[in-house]
Amino acid sequence: MLVLAHISDLHLDGTTRATERARRVRDRLWELPVPPDALLVTGDIADHGTETEYEEAARLLGLRDGNAPFPVLTCPGNHDSREPYRKALLGLPAAGGPVNSAHVLDGGAVLMCDSSVPGRDDGELGEETRAWIESVLDGLDDGLPVLLAFHHPPVPLHHPLPDSYPLRDPGRLADLLARRPGIAGLITGHAHTPAATTFAGRPVLVGPGVTWTLRLPWEGEEIADRDAPPGFALHVLDDEGRLTSHFRVVM
């Protein structure tokens, strides 16, 4: 059984508010009596994509000092910038190109995929990333369940804001999933609201936003609920390949 904590959309911008909300969620996760196998952070870690914002994220998430109680796995969102992301968050040489990483854990594998498109708010799992996914899957043991994590949900969520900036060409992802039955589900962010749906026969789990929560059309005209508490998800991938998700808020 694989247990994954999941946060998204921290939008760290140097303000006390953003830092405090991220720290509250971090502290709750760090203090869990039984730690998860990993923490997934699905994009929009920074608000402006600056090195200073990523340096703060690295400190908060224990990425540079190694003090996190479990692996912390990240992927970029549309507010992130690849060069400073690599340099200040991951401690790698600054470079363009998709920021993809594969992680084999006890009970499954997680592929953190870059759906960001520089200069745009919509997303895409481009040809290079799709080829990388196929290559990684070819190298994994048969029968090992795999989760794909990226920023942009591949389906409409029935709100005009996130649905205006979707994952482009979702049919290409659907084709990949049809060839790869070992992919058990998709983990995303971007929408600032916890949600669960399906795409191409797979579950899609959307993490809540740390910075603010999206108000749905039935909840009023104001889009951002900045007073709602930040949240996180816990995804459980069991030995039968079933993906179950639990959502929590941090008061």
Protein backbone atom coordinates (compact mmCIF):
# COMPACT_ATOMS: atom_id res chain seq x y z
CA MET A 1 0.00 0.00 0.00
CA LEU A 2 1.28 3.43 -0.99
CA VAL A 3 0.20 6.53 0.97
CA LEU A 4 0.88 9.94 -0.57
CA ALA A 5 0.26 13.36 0.91
CA HIS A 6 -0.58 16.00 -1.69
CA ILE A 7 -0.53 19.80 -1.68
CA SER A 8 -0.76 22.28 -4.51
CA ASP A 9 -0.75 25.96 -5.42
CA LEU A 10 1.25 27.49 -2.59
CA HIS A 11 1.86 30.67 -4.62
CA LEU A 12 4.66 31.79 -2.32
CA ASP A 13 5.16 35.48 -3.01
CA GLY A 14 7.18 36.81 -0.08
CA THR A 15 4.13 37.88 1.91
CA THR A 16 3.53 36.84 5.49
CA ARG A 17 0.12 35.48 4.54
CA ALA A 18 1.42 33.05 1.90
CA THR A 19 4.27 31.88 4.12
CA GLU A 20 2.04 31.35 7.14
CA ARG A 21 -0.50 29.28 5.22
CA ALA A 22 2.19 27.09 3.69
CA ARG A 23 3.89 26.66 7.06
CA ARG A 24 0.63 25.58 8.72
CA VAL A 25 0.12 22.83 6.17
CA ARG A 26 3.78 21.82 6.34
CA ASP A 27 3.66 21.56 10.12
CA ARG A 28 0.51 19.40 10.03
CA LEU A 29 2.10 17.01 7.55
CA TRP A 30 5.44 16.91 9.36
CA GLU A 31 3.62 16.03 12.62
CA LEU A 32 1.53 13.13 11.29
CA PRO A 33 1.95 10.19 13.71
CA VAL A 34 2.54 7.85 10.77
CA PRO A 35 4.36 9.61 7.94
CA PRO A 36 3.19 9.08 4.34
CA ASP A 37 5.50 7.50 1.79
CA ALA A 38 5.99 10.86 0.05
CA LEU A 39 4.58 14.36 -0.37
CA LEU A 40 3.52 15.45 -3.85
CA VAL A 41 3.54 19.19 -4.63
CA THR A 42 1.72 19.72 -7.92
CA GLY A 43 2.82 23.12 -9.10
CA ASP A 44 2.41 26.85 -8.67
CA ILE A 45 4.89 26.65 -5.84
CA ALA A 46 5.98 30.21 -6.53
CA ASP A 47 3.69 33.07 -7.52
CA HIS A 48 6.11 34.99 -9.74
CA GLY A 49 8.72 32.32 -10.45
CA THR A 50 11.62 34.13 -8.78
CA GLU A 51 14.67 32.55 -7.17
CA THR A 52 13.75 34.16 -3.84
CA GLU A 53 10.35 32.47 -3.86
CA TYR A 54 11.91 29.09 -4.62
CA GLU A 55 14.53 29.56 -1.92
CA GLU A 56 11.70 30.06 0.57
CA ALA A 57 9.89 26.99 -0.77
CA ALA A 58 13.05 24.91 -0.45
CA ARG A 59 13.40 25.96 3.20
CA LEU A 60 9.74 25.33 4.01
CA LEU A 61 9.67 21.93 2.34
CA GLY A 62 13.06 20.75 3.60
CA LEU A 63 14.39 20.26 0.09
CA ARG A 64 17.83 21.73 0.69
CA ASP A 65 18.56 20.67 4.28
CA GLY A 66 17.04 17.18 4.09
CA ASN A 67 14.95 17.60 7.23
CA ALA A 68 11.64 16.48 5.71
CA PRO A 69 10.36 13.24 7.28
CA PHE A 70 9.57 11.78 3.84
CA PRO A 71 10.50 12.42 0.20
CA VAL A 72 9.11 15.68 -1.21
CA LEU A 73 8.36 15.38 -4.94
CA THR A 74 7.52 18.44 -7.02
CA CYS A 75 6.46 19.49 -10.50
CA PRO A 76 5.96 22.97 -12.01
CA GLY A 77 2.73 24.85 -12.67
CA ASN A 78 1.89 27.78 -14.90
CA HIS A 79 3.17 30.34 -12.33
CA ASP A 80 6.51 28.56 -12.07
CA SER A 81 9.61 29.31 -14.12
CA ARG A 82 11.84 26.42 -15.08
CA GLU A 83 15.30 27.97 -14.76
CA PRO A 84 14.97 29.44 -11.23
CA TYR A 85 12.88 26.41 -10.24
CA ARG A 86 15.75 24.09 -11.09
CA LYS A 87 18.39 26.33 -9.53
CA ALA A 88 16.81 27.58 -6.30
CA LEU A 89 14.31 24.82 -5.51
CA LEU A 90 16.11 21.69 -6.70
CA GLY A 91 19.74 22.82 -6.49
CA LEU A 92 20.35 21.90 -10.14
CA PRO A 93 21.88 23.91 -12.97
CA ALA A 94 19.44 26.47 -14.36
CA ALA A 95 18.10 25.16 -17.64
CA GLY A 96 14.98 25.21 -19.75
CA GLY A 97 13.08 22.19 -20.93
CA PRO A 98 10.48 20.18 -19.02
CA VAL A 99 11.17 19.43 -15.36
CA ASN A 100 10.23 15.74 -15.11
CA SER A 101 11.25 13.22 -12.45
CA ALA A 102 10.45 9.57 -11.71
CA HIS A 103 10.31 8.05 -8.24
CA VAL A 104 9.96 4.37 -7.36
CA LEU A 105 8.50 3.98 -3.87
CA ASP A 106 7.48 0.99 -1.79
CA GLY A 107 4.18 0.02 -3.41
CA GLY A 108 4.26 2.01 -6.62
CA ALA A 109 5.93 4.63 -8.76
CA VAL A 110 5.15 8.32 -9.15
CA LEU A 111 6.05 10.29 -12.26
CA MET A 112 6.14 14.04 -11.61
CA CYS A 113 5.43 15.53 -15.03
CA ASP A 114 5.83 19.09 -16.27
CA SER A 115 2.61 20.35 -17.87
CA SER A 116 3.71 23.99 -17.84
CA VAL A 117 4.13 25.91 -21.10
CA PRO A 118 6.49 28.90 -20.69
CA GLY A 119 4.63 32.18 -21.12
CA ARG A 120 1.17 30.59 -21.01
CA ASP A 121 -1.38 29.75 -18.32
CA ASP A 122 -2.82 26.70 -20.04
CA GLY A 123 -0.82 23.51 -20.02
CA GLU A 124 0.40 20.62 -22.13
CA LEU A 125 2.16 17.32 -21.69
CA GLY A 126 4.36 17.92 -24.69
CA GLU A 127 6.01 15.43 -27.01
CA GLU A 128 9.23 15.38 -24.98
CA THR A 129 7.37 14.69 -21.74
CA ARG A 130 5.13 12.03 -23.27
CA ALA A 131 8.18 10.26 -24.70
CA TRP A 132 9.84 10.47 -21.28
CA ILE A 133 6.77 8.91 -19.62
CA GLU A 134 6.78 6.03 -22.12
CA SER A 135 10.52 5.47 -21.61
CA VAL A 136 10.22 5.40 -17.83
CA LEU A 137 7.28 3.00 -17.97
CA ASP A 138 9.27 0.70 -20.24
CA GLY A 139 11.93 0.47 -17.55
CA LEU A 140 9.63 -0.33 -14.64
CA ASP A 141 8.73 -3.79 -13.43
CA ASP A 142 5.55 -5.22 -14.90
CA GLY A 143 2.70 -4.99 -12.43
CA LEU A 144 4.09 -1.99 -10.54
CA PRO A 145 1.25 0.57 -10.31
CA VAL A 146 2.09 4.06 -11.49
CA LEU A 147 0.61 7.48 -10.76
CA LEU A 148 1.13 10.48 -13.02
CA ALA A 149 1.24 13.83 -11.21
CA PHE A 150 1.14 17.16 -13.04
CA HIS A 151 -0.43 20.60 -12.65
CA HIS A 152 -3.28 21.03 -15.15
CA PRO A 153 -6.34 18.73 -14.89
CA PRO A 154 -7.12 17.04 -18.21
CA VAL A 155 -10.91 17.49 -17.88
CA PRO A 156 -13.28 20.43 -17.27
CA LEU A 157 -14.06 21.14 -13.62
CA HIS A 158 -17.15 23.26 -14.34
CA HIS A 159 -15.74 26.60 -13.30
CA PRO A 160 -14.83 29.20 -15.94
CA LEU A 161 -11.48 30.13 -14.37
CA PRO A 162 -9.62 26.79 -14.37
CA ASP A 163 -11.54 25.65 -17.44
CA SER A 164 -10.16 28.67 -19.33
CA TYR A 165 -6.59 27.38 -18.83
CA PRO A 166 -6.87 23.60 -19.36
CA LEU A 167 -4.48 20.88 -20.35
CA ARG A 168 -4.22 21.19 -24.12
CA ASP A 169 -4.51 18.15 -26.39
CA PRO A 170 -5.89 15.82 -23.71
CA GLY A 171 -6.51 13.23 -26.43
CA ARG A 172 -2.78 12.56 -26.60
CA LEU A 173 -2.79 11.74 -22.89
CA ALA A 174 -5.85 9.53 -23.39
CA ASP A 175 -3.98 7.62 -26.12
CA LEU A 176 -1.03 7.11 -23.79
CA LEU A 177 -3.31 5.84 -21.02
CA ALA A 178 -4.97 3.40 -23.40
CA ARG A 179 -1.55 1.87 -24.13
CA ARG A 180 -0.51 1.82 -20.48
CA PRO A 181 -2.94 -0.05 -18.20
CA GLY A 182 -0.44 0.12 -15.33
CA ILE A 183 -1.19 3.82 -14.81
CA ALA A 184 -3.58 3.76 -11.85
CA GLY A 185 -4.52 7.44 -11.69
CA LEU A 186 -3.73 11.10 -12.26
CA ILE A 187 -2.89 13.61 -9.51
CA THR A 188 -3.24 17.32 -10.36
CA GLY A 189 -3.60 20.83 -8.95
CA HIS A 190 -4.26 24.21 -10.64
CA ALA A 191 -7.96 24.57 -9.73
CA HIS A 192 -7.57 25.58 -6.04
CA THR A 193 -10.39 23.22 -5.07
CA PRO A 194 -10.39 19.59 -3.98
CA ALA A 195 -12.13 17.55 -6.66
CA ALA A 196 -12.46 14.00 -7.93
CA THR A 197 -13.44 12.92 -11.41
CA THR A 198 -12.33 10.54 -14.17
CA PHE A 199 -10.48 10.77 -17.48
CA ALA A 200 -9.99 7.99 -20.02
CA GLY A 201 -11.10 5.45 -17.46
CA ARG A 202 -8.70 6.62 -14.74
CA PRO A 203 -9.40 8.54 -11.54
CA VAL A 204 -8.33 12.19 -11.50
CA LEU A 205 -7.70 13.70 -8.05
CA VAL A 206 -7.33 17.48 -7.82
CA GLY A 207 -5.59 18.83 -4.74
CA PRO A 208 -6.91 21.78 -2.73
CA GLY A 209 -5.08 25.08 -2.99
CA VAL A 210 -2.91 26.23 -0.13
CA THR A 211 -3.10 29.94 -0.96
CA TRP A 212 -6.89 30.26 -1.47
CA THR A 213 -9.94 28.16 -2.33
CA LEU A 214 -11.97 28.47 -5.52
CA ARG A 215 -15.63 29.35 -5.05
CA LEU A 216 -17.78 27.34 -7.43
CA PRO A 217 -20.49 29.09 -9.47
CA TRP A 218 -23.14 27.89 -7.01
CA GLU A 219 -21.28 29.48 -4.09
CA GLY A 220 -21.34 33.10 -5.21
CA GLU A 221 -19.81 35.49 -7.70
CA GLU A 222 -16.51 36.12 -5.91
CA ILE A 223 -13.97 33.66 -7.28
CA ALA A 224 -11.35 33.41 -4.54
CA ASP A 225 -12.24 32.52 -0.96
CA ARG A 226 -9.13 33.82 0.78
CA ASP A 227 -10.53 33.09 4.23
CA ALA A 228 -11.05 29.37 3.65
CA PRO A 229 -8.42 27.30 5.48
CA PRO A 230 -5.65 25.69 3.44
CA GLY A 231 -5.91 21.98 2.79
CA PHE A 232 -4.15 18.84 1.71
CA ALA A 233 -5.05 15.39 0.42
CA LEU A 234 -4.00 11.89 1.36
CA HIS A 235 -4.11 9.43 -1.53
CA VAL A 236 -3.99 5.69 -0.82
CA LEU A 237 -3.02 3.30 -3.60
CA ASP A 238 -3.84 -0.17 -2.27
CA ASP A 239 -2.56 -3.58 -3.27
CA GLU A 240 -5.48 -4.07 -5.67
CA GLY A 241 -4.57 -0.89 -7.56
CA ARG A 242 -7.52 1.04 -6.13
CA LEU A 243 -6.92 4.75 -5.51
CA THR A 244 -8.74 6.30 -2.53
CA SER A 245 -8.44 9.95 -1.51
CA HIS A 246 -9.12 11.80 1.73
CA PHE A 247 -9.13 15.60 2.00
CA ARG A 248 -8.31 17.66 5.09
CA VAL A 249 -8.27 21.34 6.03
CA VAL A 250 -5.77 22.93 8.40
CA MET A 251 -7.34 25.39 10.82
